[in-house]
Amino acid sequence: QVQPVESGGGLVRPGGSLRLSCEASGSIFSAYAMAWYRRARGKGRELVTAITSGGTTKYEDSVKGRFTISRDNAKSTVYLAMNDLEPEDTAVYYCNADERVGPTFRWGQGTQVTVSS
């Protein structure tokens, strides 16, 4: 069973950058479309960006041009580079399989991103 483990969150000022990592160990990782999700306090979980097994990417409009998703199948790892961060990006970030195309794995703990001056 694949178990994603997210890391790289923290506190950053508006306009700053962070790079999140998600290790999802398991021999089947490379076959899955993966996604980054976030849940802000008091809101539901939203899918932010996704990447297919072949590397095709999609972004939610509010992060387009600021966030970049990538993957390293040899390391069973998905990354999220976040630039020009805004207070509205504050949330717990999770990675998992893309729920729009198939079942998800067990959810990890997520990593907190806080954007504040």
N, C-alpha and C. Protein backbone atom coordinates (compact mmCIF):
# COMPACT_ATOMS: atom_id res chain seq x y z
N GLN A 1 0.86 -1.20 0.00
CA GLN A 1 0.00 0.00 0.00
C GLN A 1 0.88 1.24 0.00
N VAL A 2 0.61 2.18 -0.91
CA VAL A 2 1.37 3.41 -0.98
C VAL A 2 0.94 4.34 0.14
N GLN A 3 1.88 4.93 0.84
CA GLN A 3 1.60 5.88 1.91
C GLN A 3 2.38 7.16 1.63
N PRO A 4 1.70 8.21 1.18
CA PRO A 4 2.40 9.47 0.93
C PRO A 4 2.90 10.11 2.23
N VAL A 5 4.07 10.70 2.16
CA VAL A 5 4.64 11.44 3.29
C VAL A 5 5.08 12.79 2.77
N GLU A 6 4.39 13.84 3.22
CA GLU A 6 4.66 15.20 2.75
C GLU A 6 5.65 15.91 3.66
N SER A 7 6.45 16.82 3.08
CA SER A 7 7.39 17.62 3.86
C SER A 7 7.68 18.92 3.13
N GLY A 8 8.32 19.85 3.83
CA GLY A 8 8.78 21.07 3.20
C GLY A 8 7.96 22.32 3.51
N GLY A 9 6.88 22.17 4.28
CA GLY A 9 6.08 23.33 4.61
C GLY A 9 6.79 24.25 5.60
N GLY A 10 6.15 25.38 5.89
CA GLY A 10 6.72 26.31 6.84
C GLY A 10 6.02 27.65 6.80
N LEU A 11 6.64 28.61 7.47
CA LEU A 11 6.12 29.97 7.52
C LEU A 11 6.93 30.84 6.55
N VAL A 12 6.25 31.56 5.69
CA VAL A 12 6.94 32.38 4.70
C VAL A 12 6.17 33.68 4.54
N ARG A 13 6.88 34.72 4.20
CA ARG A 13 6.24 36.02 3.98
C ARG A 13 5.57 36.06 2.60
N PRO A 14 4.57 36.91 2.42
CA PRO A 14 3.97 37.07 1.09
C PRO A 14 5.04 37.38 0.05
N GLY A 15 4.92 36.73 -1.09
CA GLY A 15 5.91 36.88 -2.14
C GLY A 15 7.04 35.87 -2.06
N GLY A 16 7.09 35.12 -0.97
CA GLY A 16 8.15 34.14 -0.79
C GLY A 16 7.90 32.84 -1.52
N SER A 17 8.82 31.89 -1.32
CA SER A 17 8.77 30.61 -2.03
C SER A 17 8.97 29.45 -1.07
N LEU A 18 8.41 28.32 -1.43
CA LEU A 18 8.63 27.06 -0.73
C LEU A 18 8.63 25.95 -1.75
N ARG A 19 9.29 24.84 -1.39
CA ARG A 19 9.25 23.64 -2.22
C ARG A 19 8.81 22.48 -1.36
N LEU A 20 7.68 21.90 -1.70
CA LEU A 20 7.16 20.75 -0.98
C LEU A 20 7.60 19.47 -1.67
N SER A 21 7.78 18.44 -0.86
CA SER A 21 8.12 17.11 -1.39
C SER A 21 7.12 16.11 -0.85
N CYS A 22 6.89 15.07 -1.62
CA CYS A 22 6.00 14.00 -1.21
C CYS A 22 6.59 12.69 -1.68
N GLU A 23 7.01 11.89 -0.72
CA GLU A 23 7.51 10.56 -1.05
C GLU A 23 6.37 9.57 -0.91
N ALA A 24 6.09 8.87 -1.97
CA ALA A 24 4.98 7.91 -1.98
C ALA A 24 5.55 6.56 -2.38
N SER A 25 6.25 5.95 -1.47
CA SER A 25 6.98 4.72 -1.77
C SER A 25 6.04 3.60 -2.18
N GLY A 26 6.51 2.82 -3.12
CA GLY A 26 5.70 1.73 -3.63
C GLY A 26 6.00 1.51 -5.10
N SER A 27 6.08 0.28 -5.50
CA SER A 27 6.49 -0.02 -6.87
C SER A 27 5.49 0.46 -7.90
N ILE A 28 4.26 0.76 -7.49
CA ILE A 28 3.24 1.16 -8.46
C ILE A 28 3.18 2.67 -8.64
N PHE A 29 4.01 3.41 -7.93
CA PHE A 29 3.92 4.88 -7.94
C PHE A 29 3.95 5.43 -9.35
N SER A 30 4.85 4.95 -10.18
CA SER A 30 5.05 5.55 -11.49
C SER A 30 3.83 5.43 -12.40
N ALA A 31 2.94 4.52 -12.08
CA ALA A 31 1.76 4.31 -12.93
C ALA A 31 0.62 5.26 -12.60
N TYR A 32 0.74 5.99 -11.49
CA TYR A 32 -0.37 6.81 -11.02
C TYR A 32 -0.23 8.27 -11.41
N ALA A 33 -1.36 8.86 -11.79
CA ALA A 33 -1.43 10.32 -11.84
C ALA A 33 -1.47 10.80 -10.40
N MET A 34 -0.65 11.80 -10.10
CA MET A 34 -0.54 12.30 -8.73
C MET A 34 -1.02 13.74 -8.67
N ALA A 35 -1.38 14.18 -7.49
CA ALA A 35 -1.89 15.54 -7.32
C ALA A 35 -1.49 16.10 -5.97
N TRP A 36 -1.46 17.41 -5.90
CA TRP A 36 -1.35 18.12 -4.64
C TRP A 36 -2.72 18.73 -4.33
N TYR A 37 -3.11 18.57 -3.08
CA TYR A 37 -4.36 19.11 -2.57
C TYR A 37 -4.03 20.05 -1.41
N ARG A 38 -5.00 20.88 -1.05
CA ARG A 38 -4.81 21.69 0.15
C ARG A 38 -6.16 21.87 0.84
N ARG A 39 -6.05 22.07 2.15
CA ARG A 39 -7.24 22.32 2.97
C ARG A 39 -6.94 23.50 3.86
N ALA A 40 -7.61 24.62 3.61
CA ALA A 40 -7.48 25.80 4.46
C ALA A 40 -8.44 25.65 5.64
N ARG A 41 -8.14 26.34 6.71
CA ARG A 41 -8.95 26.25 7.91
C ARG A 41 -10.39 26.63 7.59
N GLY A 42 -11.32 25.78 7.97
CA GLY A 42 -12.74 26.08 7.76
C GLY A 42 -13.24 25.81 6.35
N LYS A 43 -12.38 25.25 5.50
CA LYS A 43 -12.79 24.98 4.12
C LYS A 43 -12.57 23.52 3.78
N GLY A 44 -13.13 23.11 2.69
CA GLY A 44 -12.96 21.74 2.23
C GLY A 44 -11.66 21.55 1.49
N ARG A 45 -11.33 20.32 1.23
CA ARG A 45 -10.11 20.01 0.49
C ARG A 45 -10.29 20.36 -0.97
N GLU A 46 -9.27 20.97 -1.56
CA GLU A 46 -9.33 21.29 -2.99
C GLU A 46 -8.09 20.75 -3.69
N LEU A 47 -8.29 20.29 -4.89
CA LEU A 47 -7.17 19.83 -5.72
C LEU A 47 -6.54 21.06 -6.36
N VAL A 48 -5.24 21.21 -6.17
CA VAL A 48 -4.52 22.39 -6.63
C VAL A 48 -3.86 22.17 -7.98
N THR A 49 -3.23 21.01 -8.11
CA THR A 49 -2.49 20.72 -9.34
C THR A 49 -2.29 19.21 -9.45
N ALA A 50 -2.14 18.72 -10.66
CA ALA A 50 -1.97 17.30 -10.89
C ALA A 50 -0.96 17.05 -11.99
N ILE A 51 -0.39 15.85 -11.97
CA ILE A 51 0.57 15.46 -13.00
C ILE A 51 0.32 14.00 -13.36
N THR A 52 0.25 13.72 -14.65
CA THR A 52 0.03 12.34 -15.08
C THR A 52 1.31 11.52 -14.95
N SER A 53 1.19 10.23 -15.16
CA SER A 53 2.37 9.37 -15.11
C SER A 53 3.38 9.78 -16.18
N GLY A 54 2.90 10.35 -17.26
CA GLY A 54 3.78 10.77 -18.34
C GLY A 54 4.30 12.19 -18.21
N GLY A 55 3.84 12.93 -17.19
CA GLY A 55 4.36 14.26 -16.94
C GLY A 55 3.49 15.42 -17.39
N THR A 56 2.30 15.14 -17.91
CA THR A 56 1.39 16.23 -18.27
C THR A 56 0.81 16.85 -17.01
N THR A 57 0.78 18.17 -16.97
CA THR A 57 0.36 18.87 -15.75
C THR A 57 -0.91 19.70 -15.96
N LYS A 58 -1.62 19.92 -14.85
CA LYS A 58 -2.78 20.80 -14.84
C LYS A 58 -2.76 21.59 -13.55
N TYR A 59 -3.25 22.84 -13.62
CA TYR A 59 -3.24 23.72 -12.46
C TYR A 59 -4.60 24.37 -12.26
N GLU A 60 -4.97 24.53 -11.01
CA GLU A 60 -6.15 25.31 -10.67
C GLU A 60 -5.80 26.78 -10.95
N ASP A 61 -6.81 27.56 -11.38
CA ASP A 61 -6.53 28.91 -11.89
C ASP A 61 -5.79 29.79 -10.89
N SER A 62 -6.09 29.66 -9.60
CA SER A 62 -5.51 30.57 -8.62
C SER A 62 -4.01 30.36 -8.42
N VAL A 63 -3.47 29.24 -8.87
CA VAL A 63 -2.04 28.98 -8.69
C VAL A 63 -1.28 28.93 -10.00
N LYS A 64 -1.99 29.04 -11.09
CA LYS A 64 -1.36 28.97 -12.40
C LYS A 64 -0.31 30.07 -12.54
N GLY A 65 0.87 29.69 -13.00
CA GLY A 65 1.95 30.66 -13.15
C GLY A 65 2.78 30.86 -11.90
N ARG A 66 2.31 30.36 -10.76
CA ARG A 66 3.05 30.50 -9.50
C ARG A 66 3.54 29.16 -8.97
N PHE A 67 2.78 28.11 -9.17
CA PHE A 67 3.12 26.78 -8.66
C PHE A 67 3.56 25.89 -9.82
N THR A 68 4.49 24.98 -9.54
CA THR A 68 4.95 24.01 -10.53
C THR A 68 5.02 22.63 -9.89
N ILE A 69 4.30 21.69 -10.46
CA ILE A 69 4.35 20.31 -9.99
C ILE A 69 5.32 19.52 -10.86
N SER A 70 6.05 18.61 -10.23
CA SER A 70 6.96 17.74 -10.98
C SER A 70 7.05 16.41 -10.25
N ARG A 71 7.64 15.42 -10.90
CA ARG A 71 7.77 14.11 -10.27
C ARG A 71 9.07 13.47 -10.69
N ASP A 72 9.58 12.63 -9.81
CA ASP A 72 10.76 11.82 -10.08
C ASP A 72 10.35 10.38 -9.79
N ASN A 73 10.02 9.65 -10.83
CA ASN A 73 9.52 8.29 -10.63
C ASN A 73 10.58 7.36 -10.02
N ALA A 74 11.83 7.62 -10.31
CA ALA A 74 12.90 6.79 -9.76
C ALA A 74 12.97 6.93 -8.24
N LYS A 75 12.56 8.08 -7.74
CA LYS A 75 12.56 8.33 -6.29
C LYS A 75 11.16 8.23 -5.69
N SER A 76 10.17 7.89 -6.51
CA SER A 76 8.78 7.81 -6.04
C SER A 76 8.39 9.10 -5.31
N THR A 77 8.75 10.22 -5.88
CA THR A 77 8.56 11.51 -5.21
C THR A 77 7.89 12.51 -6.15
N VAL A 78 6.98 13.28 -5.58
CA VAL A 78 6.32 14.38 -6.27
C VAL A 78 6.72 15.68 -5.57
N TYR A 79 6.94 16.71 -6.34
CA TYR A 79 7.35 18.01 -5.79
C TYR A 79 6.33 19.08 -6.14
N LEU A 80 6.31 20.11 -5.31
CA LEU A 80 5.49 21.28 -5.61
C LEU A 80 6.33 22.52 -5.29
N ALA A 81 6.76 23.20 -6.34
CA ALA A 81 7.49 24.47 -6.17
C ALA A 81 6.46 25.58 -6.16
N MET A 82 6.49 26.37 -5.09
CA MET A 82 5.51 27.44 -4.92
C MET A 82 6.24 28.78 -4.84
N ASN A 83 5.92 29.66 -5.76
CA ASN A 83 6.54 30.98 -5.80
C ASN A 83 5.46 32.05 -5.63
N ASP A 84 5.92 33.26 -5.30
CA ASP A 84 5.00 34.40 -5.16
C ASP A 84 3.81 34.03 -4.27
N LEU A 85 4.10 33.46 -3.14
CA LEU A 85 3.03 32.97 -2.26
C LEU A 85 2.18 34.11 -1.71
N GLU A 86 0.92 33.80 -1.53
CA GLU A 86 -0.07 34.77 -1.05
C GLU A 86 -0.68 34.25 0.25
N PRO A 87 -1.20 35.14 1.09
CA PRO A 87 -1.85 34.67 2.33
C PRO A 87 -2.96 33.64 2.05
N GLU A 88 -3.61 33.77 0.91
CA GLU A 88 -4.69 32.84 0.56
C GLU A 88 -4.17 31.43 0.28
N ASP A 89 -2.86 31.27 0.15
CA ASP A 89 -2.27 29.94 -0.05
C ASP A 89 -2.08 29.20 1.27
N THR A 90 -2.32 29.86 2.38
CA THR A 90 -2.17 29.22 3.69
C THR A 90 -3.13 28.05 3.82
N ALA A 91 -2.56 26.88 4.10
CA ALA A 91 -3.35 25.65 4.18
C ALA A 91 -2.43 24.49 4.57
N VAL A 92 -3.05 23.36 4.86
CA VAL A 92 -2.30 22.12 4.95
C VAL A 92 -2.30 21.50 3.56
N TYR A 93 -1.13 21.14 3.07
CA TYR A 93 -0.97 20.59 1.73
C TYR A 93 -0.75 19.08 1.82
N TYR A 94 -1.46 18.36 0.97
CA TYR A 94 -1.38 16.91 0.90
C TYR A 94 -1.07 16.48 -0.52
N CYS A 95 -0.41 15.35 -0.66
CA CYS A 95 -0.32 14.77 -1.99
C CYS A 95 -0.99 13.40 -1.95
N ASN A 96 -1.48 13.01 -3.09
CA ASN A 96 -2.14 11.71 -3.21
C ASN A 96 -2.36 11.45 -4.69
N ALA A 97 -2.89 10.31 -5.00
CA ALA A 97 -3.27 10.02 -6.38
C ALA A 97 -4.35 11.02 -6.80
N ASP A 98 -4.43 11.28 -8.07
CA ASP A 98 -5.44 12.20 -8.61
C ASP A 98 -6.82 11.55 -8.49
N GLU A 99 -7.63 12.07 -7.62
CA GLU A 99 -8.94 11.48 -7.32
C GLU A 99 -9.92 11.60 -8.48
N ARG A 100 -9.60 12.42 -9.46
CA ARG A 100 -10.49 12.57 -10.60
C ARG A 100 -10.37 11.40 -11.57
N VAL A 101 -9.30 10.63 -11.46
CA VAL A 101 -9.09 9.55 -12.44
C VAL A 101 -9.06 8.17 -11.80
N GLY A 102 -9.07 8.10 -10.48
CA GLY A 102 -9.02 6.79 -9.84
C GLY A 102 -9.00 6.92 -8.33
N PRO A 103 -8.89 5.80 -7.65
CA PRO A 103 -8.90 5.82 -6.19
C PRO A 103 -7.65 6.46 -5.61
N THR A 104 -7.79 6.99 -4.41
CA THR A 104 -6.65 7.58 -3.73
C THR A 104 -6.04 6.56 -2.77
N PHE A 105 -4.82 6.87 -2.33
CA PHE A 105 -4.14 6.06 -1.32
C PHE A 105 -4.59 6.52 0.06
N ARG A 106 -4.06 5.92 1.08
CA ARG A 106 -4.28 6.41 2.43
C ARG A 106 -3.70 7.82 2.52
N TRP A 107 -4.42 8.72 3.16
CA TRP A 107 -3.95 10.10 3.26
C TRP A 107 -2.85 10.24 4.30
N GLY A 108 -1.86 11.06 3.98
CA GLY A 108 -0.79 11.34 4.93
C GLY A 108 -1.17 12.46 5.87
N GLN A 109 -0.19 12.91 6.66
CA GLN A 109 -0.42 13.97 7.64
C GLN A 109 -0.49 15.35 7.00
N GLY A 110 0.08 15.47 5.82
CA GLY A 110 0.13 16.79 5.19
C GLY A 110 1.26 17.63 5.75
N THR A 111 1.47 18.78 5.14
CA THR A 111 2.48 19.72 5.62
C THR A 111 1.89 21.12 5.60
N GLN A 112 2.05 21.84 6.71
CA GLN A 112 1.43 23.15 6.88
C GLN A 112 2.24 24.21 6.15
N VAL A 113 1.54 25.01 5.35
CA VAL A 113 2.13 26.18 4.70
C VAL A 113 1.39 27.41 5.24
N THR A 114 2.14 28.33 5.81
CA THR A 114 1.55 29.55 6.34
C THR A 114 2.23 30.74 5.68
N VAL A 115 1.43 31.59 5.05
CA VAL A 115 1.95 32.77 4.38
C VAL A 115 1.45 33.99 5.15
N SER A 116 2.37 34.66 5.80
CA SER A 116 1.98 35.77 6.67
C SER A 116 3.15 36.72 6.85
N SER A 117 2.83 38.00 6.98
CA SER A 117 3.87 38.98 7.26
C SER A 117 4.03 39.18 8.76
